[in-house]
Amino acid sequence: MPNSNPAAGISRRGLLATAGAGVIAAAGTVFLPPPAHATVEAATKFMASLIGNRTPVAGRVKLTMPEIAENGNTVPVAVTVDSPMTDADHVKVIHIMADGNPAPEVASFHLSPANGRAEITTRMRMSTTQNVWAVAEMKDGSVYIDKTEVKVTIGGCGG
């Protein structure tokens, strides 16, 4: 026997399915967090938390990335710092940040004179077209920065 009431125009099963879908949709909008992307302000604030009141200046750091990344899942990153890597003058940390990913922090690499060269290479995931920052902290307390924009055609972080 069918479970419907032709006089009402809607079946009990149809009414329950519609009500259930509405409850699920409402719960989804309430409990799911909105998509998050870091901003330039968030990246600046994160950098300040790393380097304090020091002002980064351009020079000595070279950030190399492709201008266009066809796939944001694995974008190559190379950072080179002009440093003799001696006990008196060496790079202590290289930070990589991005202002369009869900969080601005990407990676921090701690170096010492034992590394011999101030170079790192890695790959990062990028959700959308954004700026990437490389910040180098030197032993004498100075801070250097380089930035580049990478255009991402297919995002790797859900973009």
Foldseek 3Di string as FASTA:
>chain_A
DDQQDVVVVDGPVRVVVVVVVVVVVVCCVVPDDDQAWAAPVQLVVVVCVVQPPADAAADQKDWDWDQEAAEQQWTKIKIFGPWQQDQVKDWAKKFKFKRTHRHGGWDMDGDHSVVRGRMDMGITGFAAWTKMKIWTAMPVSHIYIDIGIYGYNHGNRPD
